[in-house]
Amino acid sequence: MHELPRLSSLATLILELLSEHGPMYGLEMVDASRGRLKRGSIYVTLARMVDKGYVKSKEVEGEGQGPPRTVYRSTGYGMRLLSAWQLAGKALLESRA
């Protein structure tokens, strides 16, 4: 049996935001997180998540004359991992009741 890959609290939050809102820019996630994500850590966490296959990134043209921006979306693997951790957490809480 395979061990469930670890999912940090920041990665969990990012996957939850992407699940709820769909593709987003990093700073959109910071705003949507209501202070739980910080500008200084979002892009490091996103880069790790891309490397692990939890999210995908895509460069899109900037609005007007702005520079290209990177939009992130969850992968099927990332969503399955989030779901597995949510189920595991729920089972743990139920076992304590």
PDB file of N, CA and C in Angstrom:
ATOM      1  N   MET A   1       0.837  -1.167   0.000  1.00  0.00           N
ATOM      2  CA  MET A   1       0.000   0.000   0.000  1.00  0.00           C
ATOM      3  C   MET A   1       0.891   1.242   0.000  1.00  0.00           C
ATOM      4  N   HIS A   2       0.501   2.258  -0.739  1.00  0.00           N
ATOM      5  CA  HIS A   2       1.284   3.489  -0.821  1.00  0.00           C
ATOM      6  C   HIS A   2       0.885   4.454   0.291  1.00  0.00           C
ATOM      7  N   GLU A   3       1.881   5.184   0.780  1.00  0.00           N
ATOM      8  CA  GLU A   3       1.628   6.194   1.791  1.00  0.00           C
ATOM      9  C   GLU A   3       1.090   7.447   1.109  1.00  0.00           C
ATOM     10  N   LEU A   4       0.137   8.110   1.746  1.00  0.00           N
ATOM     11  CA  LEU A   4      -0.451   9.337   1.224  1.00  0.00           C
ATOM     12  C   LEU A   4       0.594  10.452   1.298  1.00  0.00           C
ATOM     13  N   PRO A   5       0.881  11.128   0.175  1.00  0.00           N
ATOM     14  CA  PRO A   5       1.859  12.227   0.215  1.00  0.00           C
ATOM     15  C   PRO A   5       1.411  13.314   1.191  1.00  0.00           C
ATOM     16  N   ARG A   6       2.382  13.939   1.821  1.00  0.00           N
ATOM     17  CA  ARG A   6       2.095  15.022   2.768  1.00  0.00           C
ATOM     18  C   ARG A   6       1.553  16.233   2.019  1.00  0.00           C
ATOM     19  N   LEU A   7       0.672  16.951   2.685  1.00  0.00           N
ATOM     20  CA  LEU A   7       0.093  18.160   2.120  1.00  0.00           C
ATOM     21  C   LEU A   7       0.152  19.224   3.214  1.00  0.00           C
ATOM     22  N   SER A   8       0.980  20.242   3.006  1.00  0.00           N
ATOM     23  CA  SER A   8       1.121  21.295   4.019  1.00  0.00           C
ATOM     24  C   SER A   8      -0.182  22.079   4.145  1.00  0.00           C
ATOM     25  N   SER A   9      -0.284  22.829   5.224  1.00  0.00           N
ATOM     26  CA  SER A   9      -1.492  23.640   5.421  1.00  0.00           C
ATOM     27  C   SER A   9      -1.631  24.693   4.324  1.00  0.00           C
ATOM     28  N   LEU A  10      -0.509  25.256   3.861  1.00  0.00           N
ATOM     29  CA  LEU A  10      -0.574  26.245   2.780  1.00  0.00           C
ATOM     30  C   LEU A  10      -1.001  25.594   1.467  1.00  0.00           C
ATOM     31  N   ALA A  11      -0.452  24.422   1.172  1.00  0.00           N
ATOM     32  CA  ALA A  11      -0.833  23.716  -0.050  1.00  0.00           C
ATOM     33  C   ALA A  11      -2.304  23.318   0.003  1.00  0.00           C
ATOM     34  N   THR A  12      -2.769  22.890   1.168  1.00  0.00           N
ATOM     35  CA  THR A  12      -4.183  22.546   1.334  1.00  0.00           C
ATOM     36  C   THR A  12      -5.051  23.760   1.054  1.00  0.00           C
ATOM     37  N   LEU A  13      -4.695  24.892   1.626  1.00  0.00           N
ATOM     38  CA  LEU A  13      -5.461  26.124   1.419  1.00  0.00           C
ATOM     39  C   LEU A  13      -5.472  26.515  -0.053  1.00  0.00           C
ATOM     40  N   ILE A  14      -4.334  26.441  -0.716  1.00  0.00           N
ATOM     41  CA  ILE A  14      -4.264  26.783  -2.140  1.00  0.00           C
ATOM     42  C   ILE A  14      -5.162  25.865  -2.951  1.00  0.00           C
ATOM     43  N   LEU A  15      -5.108  24.570  -2.696  1.00  0.00           N
ATOM     44  CA  LEU A  15      -5.978  23.639  -3.431  1.00  0.00           C
ATOM     45  C   LEU A  15      -7.447  23.898  -3.138  1.00  0.00           C
ATOM     46  N   GLU A  16      -7.775  24.251  -1.909  1.00  0.00           N
ATOM     47  CA  GLU A  16      -9.163  24.585  -1.583  1.00  0.00           C
ATOM     48  C   GLU A  16      -9.620  25.825  -2.344  1.00  0.00           C
ATOM     49  N   LEU A  17      -8.761  26.847  -2.408  1.00  0.00           N
ATOM     50  CA  LEU A  17      -9.107  28.062  -3.146  1.00  0.00           C
ATOM     51  C   LEU A  17      -9.295  27.779  -4.635  1.00  0.00           C
ATOM     52  N   LEU A  18      -8.390  26.993  -5.213  1.00  0.00           N
ATOM     53  CA  LEU A  18      -8.510  26.663  -6.633  1.00  0.00           C
ATOM     54  C   LEU A  18      -9.740  25.805  -6.904  1.00  0.00           C
ATOM     55  N   SER A  19     -10.080  24.940  -5.963  1.00  0.00           N
ATOM     56  CA  SER A  19     -11.271  24.115  -6.100  1.00  0.00           C
ATOM     57  C   SER A  19     -12.525  24.977  -6.081  1.00  0.00           C
ATOM     58  N   GLU A  20     -12.536  25.964  -5.209  1.00  0.00           N
ATOM     59  CA  GLU A  20     -13.701  26.831  -5.048  1.00  0.00           C
ATOM     60  C   GLU A  20     -13.832  27.875  -6.158  1.00  0.00           C
ATOM     61  N   HIS A  21     -12.698  28.475  -6.560  1.00  0.00           N
ATOM     62  CA  HIS A  21     -12.731  29.616  -7.479  1.00  0.00           C
ATOM     63  C   HIS A  21     -12.293  29.300  -8.899  1.00  0.00           C
ATOM     64  N   GLY A  22     -11.668  28.160  -9.122  1.00  0.00           N
ATOM     65  CA  GLY A  22     -11.108  27.870 -10.434  1.00  0.00           C
ATOM     66  C   GLY A  22      -9.742  28.505 -10.571  1.00  0.00           C
ATOM     67  N   PRO A  23      -9.196  28.584 -11.807  1.00  0.00           N
ATOM     68  CA  PRO A  23      -7.854  29.137 -12.009  1.00  0.00           C
ATOM     69  C   PRO A  23      -7.717  30.549 -11.422  1.00  0.00           C
ATOM     70  N   MET A  24      -6.562  30.803 -10.806  1.00  0.00           N
ATOM     71  CA  MET A  24      -6.317  32.090 -10.157  1.00  0.00           C
ATOM     72  C   MET A  24      -4.850  32.487 -10.293  1.00  0.00           C
ATOM     73  N   TYR A  25      -4.600  33.789 -10.168  1.00  0.00           N
ATOM     74  CA  TYR A  25      -3.250  34.321 -10.045  1.00  0.00           C
ATOM     75  C   TYR A  25      -2.834  34.205  -8.583  1.00  0.00           C
ATOM     76  N   GLY A  26      -1.537  34.223  -8.338  1.00  0.00           N
ATOM     77  CA  GLY A  26      -1.040  34.120  -6.971  1.00  0.00           C
ATOM     78  C   GLY A  26      -1.600  35.186  -6.047  1.00  0.00           C
ATOM     79  N   LEU A  27      -1.591  36.444  -6.492  1.00  0.00           N
ATOM     80  CA  LEU A  27      -2.079  37.523  -5.628  1.00  0.00           C
ATOM     81  C   LEU A  27      -3.585  37.451  -5.426  1.00  0.00           C
ATOM     82  N   GLU A  28      -4.313  36.874  -6.376  1.00  0.00           N
ATOM     83  CA  GLU A  28      -5.747  36.633  -6.168  1.00  0.00           C
ATOM     84  C   GLU A  28      -5.952  35.666  -5.015  1.00  0.00           C
ATOM     85  N   MET A  29      -5.084  34.648  -4.956  1.00  0.00           N
ATOM     86  CA  MET A  29      -5.172  33.677  -3.862  1.00  0.00           C
ATOM     87  C   MET A  29      -4.877  34.344  -2.531  1.00  0.00           C
ATOM     88  N   VAL A  30      -3.873  35.225  -2.501  1.00  0.00           N
ATOM     89  CA  VAL A  30      -3.539  35.938  -1.274  1.00  0.00           C
ATOM     90  C   VAL A  30      -4.762  36.734  -0.806  1.00  0.00           C
ATOM     91  N   ASP A  31      -5.407  37.460  -1.718  1.00  0.00           N
ATOM     92  CA  ASP A  31      -6.587  38.246  -1.369  1.00  0.00           C
ATOM     93  C   ASP A  31      -7.741  37.352  -0.912  1.00  0.00           C
ATOM     94  N   ALA A  32      -7.981  36.264  -1.623  1.00  0.00           N
ATOM     95  CA  ALA A  32      -9.091  35.362  -1.307  1.00  0.00           C
ATOM     96  C   ALA A  32      -8.873  34.609   0.003  1.00  0.00           C
ATOM     97  N   SER A  33      -7.621  34.488   0.439  1.00  0.00           N
ATOM     98  CA  SER A  33      -7.320  33.724   1.656  1.00  0.00           C
ATOM     99  C   SER A  33      -7.617  34.502   2.932  1.00  0.00           C
ATOM    100  N   ARG A  34      -7.918  35.773   2.802  1.00  0.00           N
ATOM    101  CA  ARG A  34      -8.239  36.626   3.956  1.00  0.00           C
ATOM    102  C   ARG A  34      -7.133  36.604   5.014  1.00  0.00           C
ATOM    103  N   GLY A  35      -5.907  36.790   4.541  1.00  0.00           N
ATOM    104  CA  GLY A  35      -4.767  36.913   5.443  1.00  0.00           C
ATOM    105  C   GLY A  35      -4.045  35.619   5.787  1.00  0.00           C
ATOM    106  N   ARG A  36      -4.540  34.494   5.329  1.00  0.00           N
ATOM    107  CA  ARG A  36      -3.882  33.223   5.664  1.00  0.00           C
ATOM    108  C   ARG A  36      -2.690  32.947   4.757  1.00  0.00           C
ATOM    109  N   LEU A  37      -2.697  33.474   3.533  1.00  0.00           N
ATOM    110  CA  LEU A  37      -1.544  33.363   2.632  1.00  0.00           C
ATOM    111  C   LEU A  37      -0.849  34.715   2.576  1.00  0.00           C
ATOM    112  N   LYS A  38       0.459  34.684   2.477  1.00  0.00           N
ATOM    113  CA  LYS A  38       1.253  35.919   2.435  1.00  0.00           C
ATOM    114  C   LYS A  38       1.942  36.048   1.082  1.00  0.00           C
ATOM    115  N   ARG A  39       2.141  37.279   0.672  1.00  0.00           N
ATOM    116  CA  ARG A  39       2.805  37.545  -0.612  1.00  0.00           C
ATOM    117  C   ARG A  39       4.178  36.902  -0.679  1.00  0.00           C
ATOM    118  N   GLY A  40       4.882  36.857   0.431  1.00  0.00           N
ATOM    119  CA  GLY A  40       6.243  36.338   0.457  1.00  0.00           C
ATOM    120  C   GLY A  40       6.358  34.825   0.368  1.00  0.00           C
ATOM    121  N   SER A  41       5.274  34.116   0.638  1.00  0.00           N
ATOM    122  CA  SER A  41       5.352  32.652   0.634  1.00  0.00           C
ATOM    123  C   SER A  41       4.525  31.978  -0.455  1.00  0.00           C
ATOM    124  N   ILE A  42       3.606  32.698  -1.058  1.00  0.00           N
ATOM    125  CA  ILE A  42       2.692  32.072  -2.020  1.00  0.00           C
ATOM    126  C   ILE A  42       3.429  31.485  -3.215  1.00  0.00           C
ATOM    127  N   TYR A  43       4.379  32.235  -3.777  1.00  0.00           N
ATOM    128  CA  TYR A  43       5.022  31.768  -5.009  1.00  0.00           C
ATOM    129  C   TYR A  43       6.011  30.631  -4.763  1.00  0.00           C
ATOM    130  N   VAL A  44       6.634  30.609  -3.588  1.00  0.00           N
ATOM    131  CA  VAL A  44       7.511  29.487  -3.232  1.00  0.00           C
ATOM    132  C   VAL A  44       6.662  28.221  -3.104  1.00  0.00           C
ATOM    133  N   THR A  45       5.537  28.340  -2.421  1.00  0.00           N
ATOM    134  CA  THR A  45       4.645  27.194  -2.235  1.00  0.00           C
ATOM    135  C   THR A  45       4.086  26.737  -3.579  1.00  0.00           C
ATOM    136  N   LEU A  46       3.663  27.669  -4.418  1.00  0.00           N
ATOM    137  CA  LEU A  46       3.134  27.309  -5.740  1.00  0.00           C
ATOM    138  C   LEU A  46       4.187  26.604  -6.594  1.00  0.00           C
ATOM    139  N   ALA A  47       5.423  27.066  -6.545  1.00  0.00           N
ATOM    140  CA  ALA A  47       6.493  26.421  -7.322  1.00  0.00           C
ATOM    141  C   ALA A  47       6.693  24.979  -6.868  1.00  0.00           C
ATOM    142  N   ARG A  48       6.658  24.749  -5.569  1.00  0.00           N
ATOM    143  CA  ARG A  48       6.784  23.377  -5.048  1.00  0.00           C
ATOM    144  C   ARG A  48       5.605  22.520  -5.490  1.00  0.00           C
ATOM    145  N   MET A  49       4.418  23.119  -5.488  1.00  0.00           N
ATOM    146  CA  MET A  49       3.216  22.381  -5.880  1.00  0.00           C
ATOM    147  C   MET A  49       3.234  22.030  -7.363  1.00  0.00           C
ATOM    148  N   VAL A  50       3.781  22.917  -8.188  1.00  0.00           N
ATOM    149  CA  VAL A  50       3.941  22.618  -9.615  1.00  0.00           C
ATOM    150  C   VAL A  50       4.903  21.450  -9.778  1.00  0.00           C
ATOM    151  N   ASP A  51       6.032  21.503  -9.065  1.00  0.00           N
ATOM    152  CA  ASP A  51       7.030  20.429  -9.133  1.00  0.00           C
ATOM    153  C   ASP A  51       6.449  19.076  -8.729  1.00  0.00           C
ATOM    154  N   LYS A  52       5.541  19.071  -7.761  1.00  0.00           N
ATOM    155  CA  LYS A  52       4.941  17.831  -7.269  1.00  0.00           C
ATOM    156  C   LYS A  52       3.731  17.386  -8.091  1.00  0.00           C
ATOM    157  N   GLY A  53       3.286  18.232  -9.021  1.00  0.00           N
ATOM    158  CA  GLY A  53       2.155  17.873  -9.871  1.00  0.00           C
ATOM    159  C   GLY A  53       0.797  18.175  -9.275  1.00  0.00           C
ATOM    160  N   TYR A  54       0.728  18.981  -8.223  1.00  0.00           N
ATOM    161  CA  TYR A  54      -0.543  19.318  -7.588  1.00  0.00           C
ATOM    162  C   TYR A  54      -1.282  20.418  -8.350  1.00  0.00           C
ATOM    163  N   VAL A  55      -0.522  21.333  -8.957  1.00  0.00           N
ATOM    164  CA  VAL A  55      -1.100  22.422  -9.750  1.00  0.00           C
ATOM    165  C   VAL A  55      -0.299  22.577 -11.041  1.00  0.00           C
ATOM    166  N   LYS A  56      -0.920  23.242 -12.010  1.00  0.00           N
ATOM    167  CA  LYS A  56      -0.241  23.598 -13.254  1.00  0.00           C
ATOM    168  C   LYS A  56      -0.255  25.112 -13.378  1.00  0.00           C
ATOM    169  N   SER A  57       0.763  25.639 -14.042  1.00  0.00           N
ATOM    170  CA  SER A  57       0.833  27.080 -14.258  1.00  0.00           C
ATOM    171  C   SER A  57       0.850  27.368 -15.751  1.00  0.00           C
ATOM    172  N   LYS A  58       0.360  28.557 -16.080  1.00  0.00           N
ATOM    173  CA  LYS A  58       0.329  28.973 -17.478  1.00  0.00           C
ATOM    174  C   LYS A  58       0.519  30.478 -17.546  1.00  0.00           C
ATOM    175  N   GLU A  59       1.437  30.898 -18.415  1.00  0.00           N
ATOM    176  CA  GLU A  59       1.655  32.325 -18.638  1.00  0.00           C
ATOM    177  C   GLU A  59       0.528  32.852 -19.521  1.00  0.00           C
ATOM    178  N   VAL A  60      -0.063  33.962 -19.118  1.00  0.00           N
ATOM    179  CA  VAL A  60      -1.107  34.603 -19.924  1.00  0.00           C
ATOM    180  C   VAL A  60      -0.718  36.063 -20.138  1.00  0.00           C
ATOM    181  N   GLU A  61      -1.143  36.590 -21.259  1.00  0.00           N
ATOM    182  CA  GLU A  61      -0.826  37.985 -21.571  1.00  0.00           C
ATOM    183  C   GLU A  61      -1.398  38.912 -20.521  1.00  0.00           C
ATOM    184  N   GLY A  62      -0.623  39.925 -20.152  1.00  0.00           N
ATOM    185  CA  GLY A  62      -1.077  40.920 -19.191  1.00  0.00           C
ATOM    186  C   GLY A  62      -2.168  41.787 -19.789  1.00  0.00           C
ATOM    187  N   GLU A  63      -2.960  42.370 -18.947  1.00  0.00           N
ATOM    188  CA  GLU A  63      -4.016  43.257 -19.405  1.00  0.00           C
ATOM    189  C   GLU A  63      -3.382  44.553 -19.901  1.00  0.00           C
ATOM    190  N   GLY A  64      -3.830  45.032 -21.056  1.00  0.00           N
ATOM    191  CA  GLY A  64      -3.274  46.262 -21.606  1.00  0.00           C
ATOM    192  C   GLY A  64      -1.813  46.083 -21.942  1.00  0.00           C
ATOM    193  N   GLN A  65      -0.975  46.934 -21.398  1.00  0.00           N
ATOM    194  CA  GLN A  65       0.463  46.884 -21.654  1.00  0.00           C
ATOM    195  C   GLN A  65       1.242  46.185 -20.546  1.00  0.00           C
ATOM    196  N   GLY A  66       0.542  45.553 -19.623  1.00  0.00           N
ATOM    197  CA  GLY A  66       1.210  44.897 -18.493  1.00  0.00           C
ATOM    198  C   GLY A  66       1.984  43.666 -18.926  1.00  0.00           C
ATOM    199  N   PRO A  67       2.873  43.234 -18.072  1.00  0.00           N
ATOM    200  CA  PRO A  67       3.670  42.036 -18.384  1.00  0.00           C
ATOM    201  C   PRO A  67       2.800  40.774 -18.304  1.00  0.00           C
ATOM    202  N   PRO A  68       3.272  39.676 -18.910  1.00  0.00           N
ATOM    203  CA  PRO A  68       2.540  38.413 -18.786  1.00  0.00           C
ATOM    204  C   PRO A  68       2.438  38.019 -17.311  1.00  0.00           C
ATOM    205  N   ARG A  69       1.349  37.341 -16.977  1.00  0.00           N
ATOM    206  CA  ARG A  69       1.132  36.879 -15.607  1.00  0.00           C
ATOM    207  C   ARG A  69       0.956  35.372 -15.618  1.00  0.00           C
ATOM    208  N   THR A  70       1.155  34.776 -14.460  1.00  0.00           N
ATOM    209  CA  THR A  70       1.026  33.332 -14.340  1.00  0.00           C
ATOM    210  C   THR A  70      -0.274  33.004 -13.625  1.00  0.00           C
ATOM    211  N   VAL A  71      -1.076  32.170 -14.266  1.00  0.00           N
ATOM    212  CA  VAL A  71      -2.320  31.703 -13.660  1.00  0.00           C
ATOM    213  C   VAL A  71      -2.123  30.235 -13.284  1.00  0.00           C
ATOM    214  N   TYR A  72      -2.695  29.848 -12.150  1.00  0.00           N
ATOM    215  CA  TYR A  72      -2.540  28.491 -11.620  1.00  0.00           C
ATOM    216  C   TYR A  72      -3.889  27.794 -11.589  1.00  0.00           C
ATOM    217  N   ARG A  73      -3.863  26.499 -11.864  1.00  0.00           N
ATOM    218  CA  ARG A  73      -5.075  25.680 -11.740  1.00  0.00           C
ATOM    219  C   ARG A  73      -4.674  24.353 -11.119  1.00  0.00           C
ATOM    220  N   SER A  74      -5.610  23.753 -10.444  1.00  0.00           N
ATOM    221  CA  SER A  74      -5.328  22.466  -9.813  1.00  0.00           C
ATOM    222  C   SER A  74      -5.324  21.368 -10.862  1.00  0.00           C
ATOM    223  N   THR A  75      -4.575  20.321 -10.580  1.00  0.00           N
ATOM    224  CA  THR A  75      -4.575  19.138 -11.438  1.00  0.00           C
ATOM    225  C   THR A  75      -5.533  18.111 -10.835  1.00  0.00           C
ATOM    226  N   GLY A  76      -5.853  17.099 -11.605  1.00  0.00           N
ATOM    227  CA  GLY A  76      -6.666  16.012 -11.076  1.00  0.00           C
ATOM    228  C   GLY A  76      -5.997  15.353  -9.890  1.00  0.00           C
ATOM    229  N   TYR A  77      -4.679  15.190  -9.990  1.00  0.00           N
ATOM    230  CA  TYR A  77      -3.912  14.595  -8.892  1.00  0.00           C
ATOM    231  C   TYR A  77      -4.023  15.455  -7.638  1.00  0.00           C
ATOM    232  N   GLY A  78      -3.877  16.767  -7.796  1.00  0.00           N
ATOM    233  CA  GLY A  78      -3.983  17.676  -6.659  1.00  0.00           C
ATOM    234  C   GLY A  78      -5.351  17.607  -6.004  1.00  0.00           C
ATOM    235  N   MET A  79      -6.399  17.521  -6.808  1.00  0.00           N
ATOM    236  CA  MET A  79      -7.759  17.445  -6.268  1.00  0.00           C
ATOM    237  C   MET A  79      -8.010  16.115  -5.555  1.00  0.00           C
ATOM    238  N   ARG A  80      -7.479  15.033  -6.110  1.00  0.00           N
ATOM    239  CA  ARG A  80      -7.622  13.728  -5.448  1.00  0.00           C
ATOM    240  C   ARG A  80      -6.874  13.713  -4.121  1.00  0.00           C
ATOM    241  N   LEU A  81      -5.700  14.317  -4.097  1.00  0.00           N
ATOM    242  CA  LEU A  81      -4.912  14.385  -2.867  1.00  0.00           C
ATOM    243  C   LEU A  81      -5.645  15.217  -1.814  1.00  0.00           C
ATOM    244  N   LEU A  82      -6.182  16.353  -2.209  1.00  0.00           N
ATOM    245  CA  LEU A  82      -6.953  17.194  -1.287  1.00  0.00           C
ATOM    246  C   LEU A  82      -8.146  16.408  -0.736  1.00  0.00           C
ATOM    247  N   SER A  83      -8.859  15.736  -1.599  1.00  0.00           N
ATOM    248  CA  SER A  83     -10.019  14.955  -1.181  1.00  0.00           C
ATOM    249  C   SER A  83      -9.623  13.857  -0.196  1.00  0.00           C
ATOM    250  N   ALA A  84      -8.514  13.176  -0.472  1.00  0.00           N
ATOM    251  CA  ALA A  84      -8.043  12.115   0.415  1.00  0.00           C
ATOM    252  C   ALA A  84      -7.701  12.662   1.797  1.00  0.00           C
ATOM    253  N   TRP A  85      -7.028  13.825   1.845  1.00  0.00           N
ATOM    254  CA  TRP A  85      -6.678  14.424   3.136  1.00  0.00           C
ATOM    255  C   TRP A  85      -7.920  14.900   3.873  1.00  0.00           C
ATOM    256  N   GLN A  86      -8.895  15.437   3.140  1.00  0.00           N
ATOM    257  CA  GLN A  86     -10.132  15.872   3.781  1.00  0.00           C
ATOM    258  C   GLN A  86     -10.879  14.679   4.378  1.00  0.00           C
ATOM    259  N   LEU A  87     -10.930  13.575   3.638  1.00  0.00           N
ATOM    260  CA  LEU A  87     -11.585  12.362   4.145  1.00  0.00           C
ATOM    261  C   LEU A  87     -10.845  11.801   5.355  1.00  0.00           C
ATOM    262  N   ALA A  88      -9.525  11.813   5.290  1.00  0.00           N
ATOM    263  CA  ALA A  88      -8.726  11.312   6.418  1.00  0.00           C
ATOM    264  C   ALA A  88      -8.962  12.172   7.660  1.00  0.00           C
ATOM    265  N   GLY A  89      -9.003  13.470   7.483  1.00  0.00           N
ATOM    266  CA  GLY A  89      -9.262  14.373   8.606  1.00  0.00           C
ATOM    267  C   GLY A  89     -10.644  14.162   9.193  1.00  0.00           C
ATOM    268  N   LYS A  90     -11.635  13.976   8.340  1.00  0.00           N
ATOM    269  CA  LYS A  90     -13.001  13.736   8.790  1.00  0.00           C
ATOM    270  C   LYS A  90     -13.077  12.424   9.568  1.00  0.00           C
ATOM    271  N   ALA A  91     -12.434  11.383   9.055  1.00  0.00           N
ATOM    272  CA  ALA A  91     -12.434  10.079   9.735  1.00  0.00           C
ATOM    273  C   ALA A  91     -11.758  10.182  11.098  1.00  0.00           C
ATOM    274  N   LEU A  92     -10.692  10.949  11.177  1.00  0.00           N
ATOM    275  CA  LEU A  92      -9.991  11.129  12.440  1.00  0.00           C
ATOM    276  C   LEU A  92     -10.879  11.831  13.455  1.00  0.00           C
ATOM    277  N   LEU A  93     -11.565  12.870  13.020  1.00  0.00           N
ATOM    278  CA  LEU A  93     -12.477  13.594  13.925  1.00  0.00           C
ATOM    279  C   LEU A  93     -13.624  12.710  14.388  1.00  0.00           C
ATOM    280  N   GLU A  94     -14.152  11.920  13.483  1.00  0.00           N
ATOM    281  CA  GLU A  94     -15.253  11.027  13.841  1.00  0.00           C
ATOM    282  C   GLU A  94     -14.805   9.934  14.812  1.00  0.00           C
ATOM    283  N   SER A  95     -13.567   9.483  14.680  1.00  0.00           N
ATOM    284  CA  SER A  95     -13.072   8.436  15.573  1.00  0.00           C
ATOM    285  C   SER A  95     -12.860   8.950  16.988  1.00  0.00           C
ATOM    286  N   ARG A  96     -12.682  10.260  17.125  1.00  0.00           N
ATOM    287  CA  ARG A  96     -12.486  10.871  18.448  1.00  0.00           C
ATOM    288  C   ARG A  96     -13.811  11.141  19.141  1.00  0.00           C
ATOM    289  N   ALA A  97     -14.904  11.144  18.399  1.00  0.00           N
ATOM    290  CA  ALA A  97     -16.224  11.465  18.977  1.00  0.00           C
ATOM    291  C   ALA A  97     -16.810  10.313  19.745  1.00  0.00           C
TER     292      ALA A  97
END
